[in-house]
Amino acid sequence: MTATATHPGPSLVWDAGGPYNLHQTLGIIGRGPADRTVRLTPAAAWLAFNTPEGPATLGISQRGAELHARAWGLGAEHALTGTPALLGSDDDWSHFDSAEFHATLPRLAREARRRHPAVRLPATGRVVDSLVPAILEQKVTALEAHRGYAALVRKFGTPAPGAGSHPDIPPDLMVAPTPRQWAKIPSWDWHKAGVGPQRSATVLRAVGSASGLERLAQLPPADAASKMQTIPGIGVWTAAEVTQRTHGDADQVAVGDYHLAAFVGWALAGKPVDDSGMLELLEPWRGHRQRVVRMLYLSGFRKPAFGPRMTIQDHRAH
């Protein structure tokens, strides 16, 4: 599968060289439907983010196997340079799709891959942008974390370049705070957003090491995950959540996830398992464990529901 990229001024055309699904590929990047830094519309995908040159808005549309990207803002050229990797240009499924490997896959994953041959694993290359919301998701429900992240972005982020002036760009698209802006958020605003002192302190430690963290994007994902965990408060789960997005990590599994181990256990063994049991079940596909998990989710399988849902705790009025 070949791919080419060209830079006609402030735009780029990337040829995926085969089947491609823009929304399935980039859907993992957004943090809930209220995340204003990512908008997936029927016609395009819109992302706004900080670059070393300044903020950028990136709009991507699809025409067959061709992906057409346009960028606005001081960081436009930097955003375009990283677009092929963002779209999964470095994500190689050839071994996973080989007849020999395919025959080893569980039926659910095999059938899901047959139905979804166009999904790729994206690589944003932006560590802090993935790390902050991952920290906010520690030990709470996704709904609670997404609500808090959205509130903080609305208050402390900045409008995306072109938002409100260019007719194609979603008017509410926003750029998340820079590391310096995250560091200046008062404690009472973390509290109002439902973020406890332990998680906010971890965010502050992370953004204090922002320049070093961004360099981790150049390392292999396993090395990047290991170095990330030297920051107190960042463990295996958080690091895996980050490298899945920043590196297009095909293998890291989010150990410690509230639901994942039970989901994988029911899908592959017909019973719930703990983290060690999940890793044992996925071991035959080491190197592609995240691909297998992604296919299990795309299969439409749902584990049986037992007992009460995890309660959302709201301490903002305390």
C-alpha atoms as a PDB file:
ATOM      1  CA  MET A   1       0.000   0.000   0.000  1.00  0.00           C
ATOM      2  CA  THR A   2       1.591   3.243  -1.138  1.00  0.00           C
ATOM      3  CA  ALA A   3       0.911   6.804  -0.118  1.00  0.00           C
ATOM      4  CA  THR A   4       2.066  10.163  -1.438  1.00  0.00           C
ATOM      5  CA  ALA A   5       1.833  13.682  -0.037  1.00  0.00           C
ATOM      6  CA  THR A   6       2.172  17.078  -1.713  1.00  0.00           C
ATOM      7  CA  HIS A   7       2.102  20.629  -0.317  1.00  0.00           C
ATOM      8  CA  PRO A   8       0.279  23.034  -2.667  1.00  0.00           C
ATOM      9  CA  GLY A   9       0.735  26.121  -0.463  1.00  0.00           C
ATOM     10  CA  PRO A  10      -1.497  26.048   2.637  1.00  0.00           C
ATOM     11  CA  SER A  11      -3.002  22.686   1.696  1.00  0.00           C
ATOM     12  CA  LEU A  12      -2.006  19.078   1.303  1.00  0.00           C
ATOM     13  CA  VAL A  13      -3.270  16.031  -0.569  1.00  0.00           C
ATOM     14  CA  TRP A  14      -2.435  12.598   0.835  1.00  0.00           C
ATOM     15  CA  ASP A  15      -3.234   9.429  -1.052  1.00  0.00           C
ATOM     16  CA  ALA A  16      -4.040   6.590   1.326  1.00  0.00           C
ATOM     17  CA  GLY A  17      -3.366   4.098  -1.443  1.00  0.00           C
ATOM     18  CA  GLY A  18      -6.374   1.950  -0.577  1.00  0.00           C
ATOM     19  CA  PRO A  19      -9.545   1.814   1.543  1.00  0.00           C
ATOM     20  CA  TYR A  20      -9.744   4.581   4.103  1.00  0.00           C
ATOM     21  CA  ASN A  21     -12.310   5.777   6.657  1.00  0.00           C
ATOM     22  CA  LEU A  22     -11.615   9.282   7.940  1.00  0.00           C
ATOM     23  CA  HIS A  23     -14.083   9.306  10.819  1.00  0.00           C
ATOM     24  CA  GLN A  24     -13.216   5.823  12.116  1.00  0.00           C
ATOM     25  CA  THR A  25      -9.530   6.735  12.037  1.00  0.00           C
ATOM     26  CA  LEU A  26      -9.727  10.114  13.769  1.00  0.00           C
ATOM     27  CA  GLY A  27     -12.632   9.287  16.089  1.00  0.00           C
ATOM     28  CA  ILE A  28     -10.268   8.144  18.840  1.00  0.00           C
ATOM     29  CA  ILE A  29      -8.727  11.623  19.160  1.00  0.00           C
ATOM     30  CA  GLY A  30     -11.744  13.533  20.452  1.00  0.00           C
ATOM     31  CA  ARG A  31     -12.680  13.409  24.139  1.00  0.00           C
ATOM     32  CA  GLY A  32     -16.443  13.154  24.071  1.00  0.00           C
ATOM     33  CA  PRO A  33     -19.089  15.004  22.025  1.00  0.00           C
ATOM     34  CA  ALA A  34     -18.486  18.296  23.879  1.00  0.00           C
ATOM     35  CA  ASP A  35     -14.764  18.414  22.987  1.00  0.00           C
ATOM     36  CA  ARG A  36     -14.423  21.658  21.041  1.00  0.00           C
ATOM     37  CA  THR A  37     -10.903  20.873  19.826  1.00  0.00           C
ATOM     38  CA  VAL A  38     -12.225  18.163  17.459  1.00  0.00           C
ATOM     39  CA  ARG A  39     -15.300  18.237  15.236  1.00  0.00           C
ATOM     40  CA  LEU A  40     -16.273  15.375  12.919  1.00  0.00           C
ATOM     41  CA  THR A  41     -18.910  16.609  10.475  1.00  0.00           C
ATOM     42  CA  PRO A  42     -20.448  14.645   7.594  1.00  0.00           C
ATOM     43  CA  ALA A  43     -18.246  16.542   5.141  1.00  0.00           C
ATOM     44  CA  ALA A  44     -14.949  16.836   7.012  1.00  0.00           C
ATOM     45  CA  ALA A  45     -12.874  16.409  10.147  1.00  0.00           C
ATOM     46  CA  TRP A  46     -11.809  19.578  11.952  1.00  0.00           C
ATOM     47  CA  LEU A  47      -9.032  19.771  14.533  1.00  0.00           C
ATOM     48  CA  ALA A  48      -7.529  22.755  16.341  1.00  0.00           C
ATOM     49  CA  PHE A  49      -4.305  22.533  18.306  1.00  0.00           C
ATOM     50  CA  ASN A  50      -1.098  24.278  19.325  1.00  0.00           C
ATOM     51  CA  THR A  51       2.145  23.824  17.400  1.00  0.00           C
ATOM     52  CA  PRO A  52       5.659  25.150  18.081  1.00  0.00           C
ATOM     53  CA  GLU A  53       4.877  27.944  15.582  1.00  0.00           C
ATOM     54  CA  GLY A  54       1.486  28.834  17.066  1.00  0.00           C
ATOM     55  CA  PRO A  55      -2.133  27.658  16.953  1.00  0.00           C
ATOM     56  CA  ALA A  56      -3.529  25.895  13.903  1.00  0.00           C
ATOM     57  CA  THR A  57      -6.849  24.807  12.496  1.00  0.00           C
ATOM     58  CA  LEU A  58      -6.794  21.711  10.307  1.00  0.00           C
ATOM     59  CA  GLY A  59      -9.676  20.703   8.071  1.00  0.00           C
ATOM     60  CA  ILE A  60      -9.616  17.329   6.293  1.00  0.00           C
ATOM     61  CA  SER A  61     -12.069  16.016   3.716  1.00  0.00           C
ATOM     62  CA  GLN A  62     -12.056  12.743   1.785  1.00  0.00           C
ATOM     63  CA  ARG A  63     -12.515  12.009  -1.901  1.00  0.00           C
ATOM     64  CA  GLY A  64     -12.105   8.301  -2.461  1.00  0.00           C
ATOM     65  CA  ALA A  65      -8.616   7.332  -1.283  1.00  0.00           C
ATOM     66  CA  GLU A  66      -7.444  10.950  -1.362  1.00  0.00           C
ATOM     67  CA  LEU A  67      -7.462  13.057   1.794  1.00  0.00           C
ATOM     68  CA  HIS A  68      -7.496  16.815   1.243  1.00  0.00           C
ATOM     69  CA  ALA A  69      -6.211  18.957   4.103  1.00  0.00           C
ATOM     70  CA  ARG A  70      -6.282  22.713   4.579  1.00  0.00           C
ATOM     71  CA  ALA A  71      -4.795  24.639   7.469  1.00  0.00           C
ATOM     72  CA  TRP A  72      -5.116  28.103   8.998  1.00  0.00           C
ATOM     73  CA  GLY A  73      -3.162  30.004  11.624  1.00  0.00           C
ATOM     74  CA  LEU A  74       0.470  30.566  12.550  1.00  0.00           C
ATOM     75  CA  GLY A  75       0.964  26.804  12.903  1.00  0.00           C
ATOM     76  CA  ALA A  76      -0.599  25.924   9.538  1.00  0.00           C
ATOM     77  CA  GLU A  77       2.550  24.631   7.848  1.00  0.00           C
ATOM     78  CA  HIS A  78       3.542  22.601  10.904  1.00  0.00           C
ATOM     79  CA  ALA A  79       0.048  21.108  11.066  1.00  0.00           C
ATOM     80  CA  LEU A  80       0.184  20.103   7.404  1.00  0.00           C
ATOM     81  CA  THR A  81       3.594  18.503   7.809  1.00  0.00           C
ATOM     82  CA  GLY A  82       2.180  16.177  10.455  1.00  0.00           C
ATOM     83  CA  THR A  83      -1.048  15.405   8.612  1.00  0.00           C
ATOM     84  CA  PRO A  84      -0.015  12.132   6.880  1.00  0.00           C
ATOM     85  CA  ALA A  85       1.066  10.629  10.224  1.00  0.00           C
ATOM     86  CA  LEU A  86      -2.127  11.963  11.816  1.00  0.00           C
ATOM     87  CA  LEU A  87      -4.085  10.123   9.132  1.00  0.00           C
ATOM     88  CA  GLY A  88      -2.177   6.888   9.742  1.00  0.00           C
ATOM     89  CA  SER A  89       0.490   6.949   7.027  1.00  0.00           C
ATOM     90  CA  ASP A  90       2.909   5.090   9.320  1.00  0.00           C
ATOM     91  CA  ASP A  91       0.321   2.553  10.457  1.00  0.00           C
ATOM     92  CA  ASP A  92       1.140  -0.729   8.709  1.00  0.00           C
ATOM     93  CA  TRP A  93      -1.548  -3.431   8.860  1.00  0.00           C
ATOM     94  CA  SER A  94       0.149  -5.754   6.339  1.00  0.00           C
ATOM     95  CA  HIS A  95       1.254  -8.338   8.925  1.00  0.00           C
ATOM     96  CA  PHE A  96      -2.074  -8.161  10.759  1.00  0.00           C
ATOM     97  CA  ASP A  97      -3.903  -8.686   7.448  1.00  0.00           C
ATOM     98  CA  SER A  98      -1.673 -11.533   6.268  1.00  0.00           C
ATOM     99  CA  ALA A  99      -3.460 -14.842   5.777  1.00  0.00           C
ATOM    100  CA  GLU A 100      -1.254 -16.584   8.333  1.00  0.00           C
ATOM    101  CA  PHE A 101      -1.821 -14.012  11.092  1.00  0.00           C
ATOM    102  CA  HIS A 102      -5.463 -13.474  10.165  1.00  0.00           C
ATOM    103  CA  ALA A 103      -6.142 -17.167  10.734  1.00  0.00           C
ATOM    104  CA  THR A 104      -5.023 -16.845  14.384  1.00  0.00           C
ATOM    105  CA  LEU A 105      -7.442 -14.031  15.202  1.00  0.00           C
ATOM    106  CA  PRO A 106     -10.606 -14.615  17.227  1.00  0.00           C
ATOM    107  CA  ARG A 107     -13.719 -14.680  15.076  1.00  0.00           C
ATOM    108  CA  LEU A 108     -15.019 -11.341  16.377  1.00  0.00           C
ATOM    109  CA  ALA A 109     -11.802  -9.521  15.456  1.00  0.00           C
ATOM    110  CA  ARG A 110     -11.476 -11.323  12.135  1.00  0.00           C
ATOM    111  CA  GLU A 111     -15.010 -10.459  11.070  1.00  0.00           C
ATOM    112  CA  ALA A 112     -14.664  -6.871  12.274  1.00  0.00           C
ATOM    113  CA  ARG A 113     -11.519  -6.397  10.197  1.00  0.00           C
ATOM    114  CA  ARG A 114     -13.284  -7.831   7.173  1.00  0.00           C
ATOM    115  CA  ARG A 115     -16.076  -5.273   7.619  1.00  0.00           C
ATOM    116  CA  HIS A 116     -13.751  -2.398   8.515  1.00  0.00           C
ATOM    117  CA  PRO A 117     -10.681  -2.636   6.246  1.00  0.00           C
ATOM    118  CA  ALA A 118     -10.387   1.152   6.036  1.00  0.00           C
ATOM    119  CA  VAL A 119      -9.546   2.037   9.653  1.00  0.00           C
ATOM    120  CA  ARG A 120      -6.044   3.265  10.565  1.00  0.00           C
ATOM    121  CA  LEU A 121      -4.400   4.146  13.876  1.00  0.00           C
ATOM    122  CA  PRO A 122      -3.673   7.891  13.931  1.00  0.00           C
ATOM    123  CA  ALA A 123      -0.491   9.462  15.294  1.00  0.00           C
ATOM    124  CA  THR A 124      -0.915  13.067  16.422  1.00  0.00           C
ATOM    125  CA  GLY A 125       2.657  13.536  17.676  1.00  0.00           C
ATOM    126  CA  ARG A 126       1.247  15.935  20.325  1.00  0.00           C
ATOM    127  CA  VAL A 127       1.934  14.452  23.745  1.00  0.00           C
ATOM    128  CA  VAL A 128       0.632  17.167  26.085  1.00  0.00           C
ATOM    129  CA  ASP A 129      -2.629  17.502  24.140  1.00  0.00           C
ATOM    130  CA  SER A 130      -3.283  13.782  24.686  1.00  0.00           C
ATOM    131  CA  LEU A 131      -1.846  13.584  28.186  1.00  0.00           C
ATOM    132  CA  VAL A 132      -3.909  16.280  29.897  1.00  0.00           C
ATOM    133  CA  PRO A 133      -7.353  14.794  29.092  1.00  0.00           C
ATOM    134  CA  ALA A 134      -6.025  11.306  29.864  1.00  0.00           C
ATOM    135  CA  ILE A 135      -5.007  12.484  33.337  1.00  0.00           C
ATOM    136  CA  LEU A 136      -8.462  13.977  33.818  1.00  0.00           C
ATOM    137  CA  GLU A 137      -9.956  10.550  33.060  1.00  0.00           C
ATOM    138  CA  GLN A 138      -8.063   8.843  35.881  1.00  0.00           C
ATOM    139  CA  LYS A 139     -10.327   7.149  38.456  1.00  0.00           C
ATOM    140  CA  VAL A 140     -13.549   8.804  37.233  1.00  0.00           C
ATOM    141  CA  THR A 141     -16.186   8.058  34.619  1.00  0.00           C
ATOM    142  CA  ALA A 142     -15.528   9.136  31.045  1.00  0.00           C
ATOM    143  CA  LEU A 143     -18.631  11.348  31.182  1.00  0.00           C
ATOM    144  CA  GLU A 144     -17.338  13.220  34.229  1.00  0.00           C
ATOM    145  CA  ALA A 145     -13.854  13.622  32.753  1.00  0.00           C
ATOM    146  CA  HIS A 146     -15.140  14.766  29.359  1.00  0.00           C
ATOM    147  CA  ARG A 147     -17.421  17.303  31.027  1.00  0.00           C
ATOM    148  CA  GLY A 148     -14.539  18.737  33.056  1.00  0.00           C
ATOM    149  CA  TYR A 149     -12.148  18.872  30.106  1.00  0.00           C
ATOM    150  CA  ALA A 150     -14.755  20.603  27.921  1.00  0.00           C
ATOM    151  CA  ALA A 151     -15.419  23.202  30.623  1.00  0.00           C
ATOM    152  CA  LEU A 152     -11.719  23.978  31.025  1.00  0.00           C
ATOM    153  CA  VAL A 153     -11.149  24.273  27.280  1.00  0.00           C
ATOM    154  CA  ARG A 154     -14.138  26.605  26.926  1.00  0.00           C
ATOM    155  CA  LYS A 155     -12.853  28.885  29.673  1.00  0.00           C
ATOM    156  CA  PHE A 156      -9.086  28.794  29.169  1.00  0.00           C
ATOM    157  CA  GLY A 157      -8.646  27.755  25.548  1.00  0.00           C
ATOM    158  CA  THR A 158      -8.656  30.126  22.575  1.00  0.00           C
ATOM    159  CA  PRO A 159     -10.822  30.285  19.436  1.00  0.00           C
ATOM    160  CA  ALA A 160      -9.401  28.224  16.590  1.00  0.00           C
ATOM    161  CA  PRO A 161      -7.788  30.228  13.781  1.00  0.00           C
ATOM    162  CA  GLY A 162     -10.500  31.097  11.280  1.00  0.00           C
ATOM    163  CA  ALA A 163     -13.391  30.047  13.537  1.00  0.00           C
ATOM    164  CA  GLY A 164     -16.193  32.564  13.194  1.00  0.00           C
ATOM    165  CA  SER A 165     -14.735  34.120  10.040  1.00  0.00           C
ATOM    166  CA  HIS A 166     -14.267  31.248   7.584  1.00  0.00           C
ATOM    167  CA  PRO A 167     -17.612  29.738   6.543  1.00  0.00           C
ATOM    168  CA  ASP A 168     -16.377  26.133   6.532  1.00  0.00           C
ATOM    169  CA  ILE A 169     -14.757  26.092   9.983  1.00  0.00           C
ATOM    170  CA  PRO A 170     -17.112  25.174  12.865  1.00  0.00           C
ATOM    171  CA  PRO A 171     -17.642  28.467  14.707  1.00  0.00           C
ATOM    172  CA  ASP A 172     -17.202  26.908  18.153  1.00  0.00           C
ATOM    173  CA  LEU A 173     -13.913  25.132  17.333  1.00  0.00           C
ATOM    174  CA  MET A 174     -11.264  25.894  19.961  1.00  0.00           C
ATOM    175  CA  VAL A 175      -7.586  25.327  20.702  1.00  0.00           C
ATOM    176  CA  ALA A 176      -6.821  23.725  24.071  1.00  0.00           C
ATOM    177  CA  PRO A 177      -4.703  25.732  26.524  1.00  0.00           C
ATOM    178  CA  THR A 178      -0.953  25.785  26.042  1.00  0.00           C
ATOM    179  CA  PRO A 179       1.177  24.241  28.814  1.00  0.00           C
ATOM    180  CA  ARG A 180       1.709  27.732  30.228  1.00  0.00           C
ATOM    181  CA  GLN A 181      -2.033  28.395  30.204  1.00  0.00           C
ATOM    182  CA  TRP A 182      -2.793  25.050  31.887  1.00  0.00           C
ATOM    183  CA  ALA A 183      -0.259  25.944  34.592  1.00  0.00           C
ATOM    184  CA  LYS A 184      -2.026  29.239  35.366  1.00  0.00           C
ATOM    185  CA  ILE A 185      -5.500  27.785  35.975  1.00  0.00           C
ATOM    186  CA  PRO A 186      -6.531  28.671  39.561  1.00  0.00           C
ATOM    187  CA  SER A 187      -7.336  25.854  41.950  1.00  0.00           C
ATOM    188  CA  TRP A 188     -10.975  26.957  42.253  1.00  0.00           C
ATOM    189  CA  ASP A 189     -11.485  26.578  38.489  1.00  0.00           C
ATOM    190  CA  TRP A 190     -10.166  23.025  38.593  1.00  0.00           C
ATOM    191  CA  HIS A 191     -12.653  22.434  41.402  1.00  0.00           C
ATOM    192  CA  LYS A 192     -15.537  23.986  39.435  1.00  0.00           C
ATOM    193  CA  ALA A 193     -14.705  21.664  36.536  1.00  0.00           C
ATOM    194  CA  GLY A 194     -14.965  18.657  38.851  1.00  0.00           C
ATOM    195  CA  VAL A 195     -11.228  17.951  38.816  1.00  0.00           C
ATOM    196  CA  GLY A 196      -9.855  16.960  42.209  1.00  0.00           C
ATOM    197  CA  PRO A 197      -6.501  18.169  43.595  1.00  0.00           C
ATOM    198  CA  GLN A 198      -4.721  14.884  42.859  1.00  0.00           C
ATOM    199  CA  ARG A 199      -5.496  15.003  39.143  1.00  0.00           C
ATOM    200  CA  SER A 200      -4.907  18.752  38.803  1.00  0.00           C
ATOM    201  CA  ALA A 201      -1.543  18.368  40.555  1.00  0.00           C
ATOM    202  CA  THR A 202      -0.587  15.645  38.078  1.00  0.00           C
ATOM    203  CA  VAL A 203      -1.538  17.927  35.180  1.00  0.00           C
ATOM    204  CA  LEU A 204       0.616  20.697  36.642  1.00  0.00           C
ATOM    205  CA  ARG A 205       3.603  18.349  36.985  1.00  0.00           C
ATOM    206  CA  ALA A 206       3.104  17.204  33.393  1.00  0.00           C
ATOM    207  CA  VAL A 207       2.848  20.653  31.820  1.00  0.00           C
ATOM    208  CA  GLY A 208       5.891  21.697  33.834  1.00  0.00           C
ATOM    209  CA  SER A 209       7.813  19.103  31.805  1.00  0.00           C
ATOM    210  CA  ALA A 210       6.052  19.908  28.519  1.00  0.00           C
ATOM    211  CA  SER A 211       9.136  20.369  26.353  1.00  0.00           C
ATOM    212  CA  GLY A 212      10.587  17.048  27.436  1.00  0.00           C
ATOM    213  CA  LEU A 213       7.250  15.295  27.015  1.00  0.00           C
ATOM    214  CA  GLU A 214       6.845  16.537  23.447  1.00  0.00           C
ATOM    215  CA  ARG A 215      10.232  15.028  22.562  1.00  0.00           C
ATOM    216  CA  LEU A 216       8.816  11.629  23.525  1.00  0.00           C
ATOM    217  CA  ALA A 217       6.883  11.671  20.253  1.00  0.00           C
ATOM    218  CA  GLN A 218      10.190  10.879  18.525  1.00  0.00           C
ATOM    219  CA  LEU A 219      10.773   7.703  20.574  1.00  0.00           C
ATOM    220  CA  PRO A 220       9.289   4.242  20.007  1.00  0.00           C
ATOM    221  CA  PRO A 221       5.939   4.050  21.816  1.00  0.00           C
ATOM    222  CA  ALA A 222       7.090   1.594  24.511  1.00  0.00           C
ATOM    223  CA  ASP A 223      10.054   3.853  25.386  1.00  0.00           C
ATOM    224  CA  ALA A 224       7.848   6.946  25.370  1.00  0.00           C
ATOM    225  CA  ALA A 225       5.339   5.246  27.685  1.00  0.00           C
ATOM    226  CA  SER A 226       8.105   4.205  30.078  1.00  0.00           C
ATOM    227  CA  LYS A 227       9.612   7.706  30.288  1.00  0.00           C
ATOM    228  CA  MET A 228       6.168   9.255  30.701  1.00  0.00           C
ATOM    229  CA  GLN A 229       5.643   7.160  33.811  1.00  0.00           C
ATOM    230  CA  THR A 230       8.608   8.787  35.559  1.00  0.00           C
ATOM    231  CA  ILE A 231       6.270  11.718  36.285  1.00  0.00           C
ATOM    232  CA  PRO A 232       4.412  11.016  39.555  1.00  0.00           C
ATOM    233  CA  GLY A 233       0.743  10.356  38.921  1.00  0.00           C
ATOM    234  CA  ILE A 234       1.204   8.941  35.429  1.00  0.00           C
ATOM    235  CA  GLY A 235       0.889   5.172  35.304  1.00  0.00           C
ATOM    236  CA  VAL A 236       0.520   2.388  32.770  1.00  0.00           C
ATOM    237  CA  TRP A 237      -3.100   3.194  31.895  1.00  0.00           C
ATOM    238  CA  THR A 238      -2.481   6.898  31.270  1.00  0.00           C
ATOM    239  CA  ALA A 239       0.661   6.269  29.224  1.00  0.00           C
ATOM    240  CA  ALA A 240      -1.152   3.733  27.039  1.00  0.00           C
ATOM    241  CA  GLU A 241      -4.050   6.138  26.463  1.00  0.00           C
ATOM    242  CA  VAL A 242      -1.511   8.703  25.265  1.00  0.00           C
ATOM    243  CA  THR A 243       0.680   6.571  22.991  1.00  0.00           C
ATOM    244  CA  GLN A 244      -2.378   5.077  21.292  1.00  0.00           C
ATOM    245  CA  ARG A 245      -3.074   8.595  20.026  1.00  0.00           C
ATOM    246  CA  THR A 246       0.363  10.190  19.753  1.00  0.00           C
ATOM    247  CA  HIS A 247       2.209   7.248  18.200  1.00  0.00           C
ATOM    248  CA  GLY A 248      -0.531   5.192  16.594  1.00  0.00           C
ATOM    249  CA  ASP A 249       0.600   2.527  19.057  1.00  0.00           C
ATOM    250  CA  ALA A 250      -0.563  -0.835  17.744  1.00  0.00           C
ATOM    251  CA  ASP A 251       0.278  -2.805  20.888  1.00  0.00           C
ATOM    252  CA  GLN A 252      -0.174  -0.842  24.138  1.00  0.00           C
ATOM    253  CA  VAL A 253      -3.272  -1.875  26.084  1.00  0.00           C
ATOM    254  CA  ALA A 254      -4.820   0.357  28.752  1.00  0.00           C
ATOM    255  CA  VAL A 255      -4.162  -1.822  31.805  1.00  0.00           C
ATOM    256  CA  GLY A 256      -6.186  -0.516  34.730  1.00  0.00           C
ATOM    257  CA  ASP A 257      -9.139   0.591  32.621  1.00  0.00           C
ATOM    258  CA  TYR A 258     -12.430   0.295  34.539  1.00  0.00           C
ATOM    259  CA  HIS A 259     -14.182  -1.641  31.755  1.00  0.00           C
ATOM    260  CA  LEU A 260     -11.585  -2.963  29.313  1.00  0.00           C
ATOM    261  CA  ALA A 261     -10.452  -6.179  31.017  1.00  0.00           C
ATOM    262  CA  ALA A 262     -14.018  -7.385  31.535  1.00  0.00           C
ATOM    263  CA  PHE A 263     -14.933  -6.462  27.956  1.00  0.00           C
ATOM    264  CA  VAL A 264     -11.981  -8.380  26.502  1.00  0.00           C
ATOM    265  CA  GLY A 265     -12.673 -11.318  28.829  1.00  0.00           C
ATOM    266  CA  TRP A 266     -16.293 -11.622  27.767  1.00  0.00           C
ATOM    267  CA  ALA A 267     -15.386 -11.176  24.079  1.00  0.00           C
ATOM    268  CA  LEU A 268     -12.574 -13.735  24.007  1.00  0.00           C
ATOM    269  CA  ALA A 269     -13.353 -16.146  26.848  1.00  0.00           C
ATOM    270  CA  GLY A 270     -17.037 -15.677  27.613  1.00  0.00           C
ATOM    271  CA  LYS A 271     -16.336 -14.525  31.158  1.00  0.00           C
ATOM    272  CA  PRO A 272     -14.938 -11.489  32.988  1.00  0.00           C
ATOM    273  CA  VAL A 273     -11.205 -11.379  33.706  1.00  0.00           C
ATOM    274  CA  ASP A 274      -8.837  -9.021  35.505  1.00  0.00           C
ATOM    275  CA  ASP A 275      -5.936  -7.143  33.900  1.00  0.00           C
ATOM    276  CA  SER A 276      -3.536 -10.087  34.081  1.00  0.00           C
ATOM    277  CA  GLY A 277      -6.186 -12.320  32.561  1.00  0.00           C
ATOM    278  CA  MET A 278      -6.752  -9.813  29.759  1.00  0.00           C
ATOM    279  CA  LEU A 279      -3.040  -9.650  28.956  1.00  0.00           C
ATOM    280  CA  GLU A 280      -2.882 -13.446  28.931  1.00  0.00           C
ATOM    281  CA  LEU A 281      -5.783 -13.611  26.473  1.00  0.00           C
ATOM    282  CA  LEU A 282      -4.169 -11.003  24.196  1.00  0.00           C
ATOM    283  CA  GLU A 283      -0.627 -12.422  24.395  1.00  0.00           C
ATOM    284  CA  PRO A 284      -0.873 -14.463  21.153  1.00  0.00           C
ATOM    285  CA  TRP A 285      -1.201 -11.181  19.254  1.00  0.00           C
ATOM    286  CA  ARG A 286       1.568  -9.230  20.985  1.00  0.00           C
ATOM    287  CA  GLY A 287       2.643  -6.404  18.745  1.00  0.00           C
ATOM    288  CA  HIS A 288      -0.944  -5.984  17.578  1.00  0.00           C
ATOM    289  CA  ARG A 289      -2.877  -6.132  20.846  1.00  0.00           C
ATOM    290  CA  GLN A 290      -4.323  -2.640  20.426  1.00  0.00           C
ATOM    291  CA  ARG A 291      -5.420  -3.509  16.889  1.00  0.00           C
ATOM    292  CA  VAL A 292      -7.217  -6.574  18.266  1.00  0.00           C
ATOM    293  CA  VAL A 293      -8.951  -4.497  20.945  1.00  0.00           C
ATOM    294  CA  ARG A 294      -9.955  -1.902  18.348  1.00  0.00           C
ATOM    295  CA  MET A 295     -11.468  -4.636  16.187  1.00  0.00           C
ATOM    296  CA  LEU A 296     -13.339  -6.098  19.159  1.00  0.00           C
ATOM    297  CA  TYR A 297     -14.950  -2.711  19.759  1.00  0.00           C
ATOM    298  CA  LEU A 298     -15.780  -2.316  16.066  1.00  0.00           C
ATOM    299  CA  SER A 299     -17.341  -5.797  16.076  1.00  0.00           C
ATOM    300  CA  GLY A 300     -20.317  -4.411  17.966  1.00  0.00           C
ATOM    301  CA  PHE A 301     -19.890  -6.940  20.789  1.00  0.00           C
ATOM    302  CA  ARG A 302     -21.302  -5.842  24.142  1.00  0.00           C
ATOM    303  CA  LYS A 303     -20.484  -7.539  27.412  1.00  0.00           C
ATOM    304  CA  PRO A 304     -23.384  -8.504  29.684  1.00  0.00           C
ATOM    305  CA  ALA A 305     -24.474  -5.767  32.074  1.00  0.00           C
ATOM    306  CA  PHE A 306     -24.582  -6.720  35.740  1.00  0.00           C
ATOM    307  CA  GLY A 307     -25.089  -4.525  38.773  1.00  0.00           C
ATOM    308  CA  PRO A 308     -25.249  -0.734  39.047  1.00  0.00           C
ATOM    309  CA  ARG A 309     -23.330   1.634  36.812  1.00  0.00           C
ATOM    310  CA  MET A 310     -20.378   3.526  38.234  1.00  0.00           C
ATOM    311  CA  THR A 311     -21.777   6.598  40.006  1.00  0.00           C
ATOM    312  CA  ILE A 312     -20.704  10.061  38.864  1.00  0.00           C
ATOM    313  CA  GLN A 313     -19.403  11.957  41.861  1.00  0.00           C
ATOM    314  CA  ASP A 314     -19.927  15.727  41.839  1.00  0.00           C
ATOM    315  CA  HIS A 315     -17.954  17.540  44.539  1.00  0.00           C
ATOM    316  CA  ARG A 316     -18.048  20.998  42.973  1.00  0.00           C
ATOM    317  CA  ALA A 317     -20.467  22.369  45.559  1.00  0.00           C
ATOM    318  CA  HIS A 318     -18.441  21.035  48.518  1.00  0.00           C
END
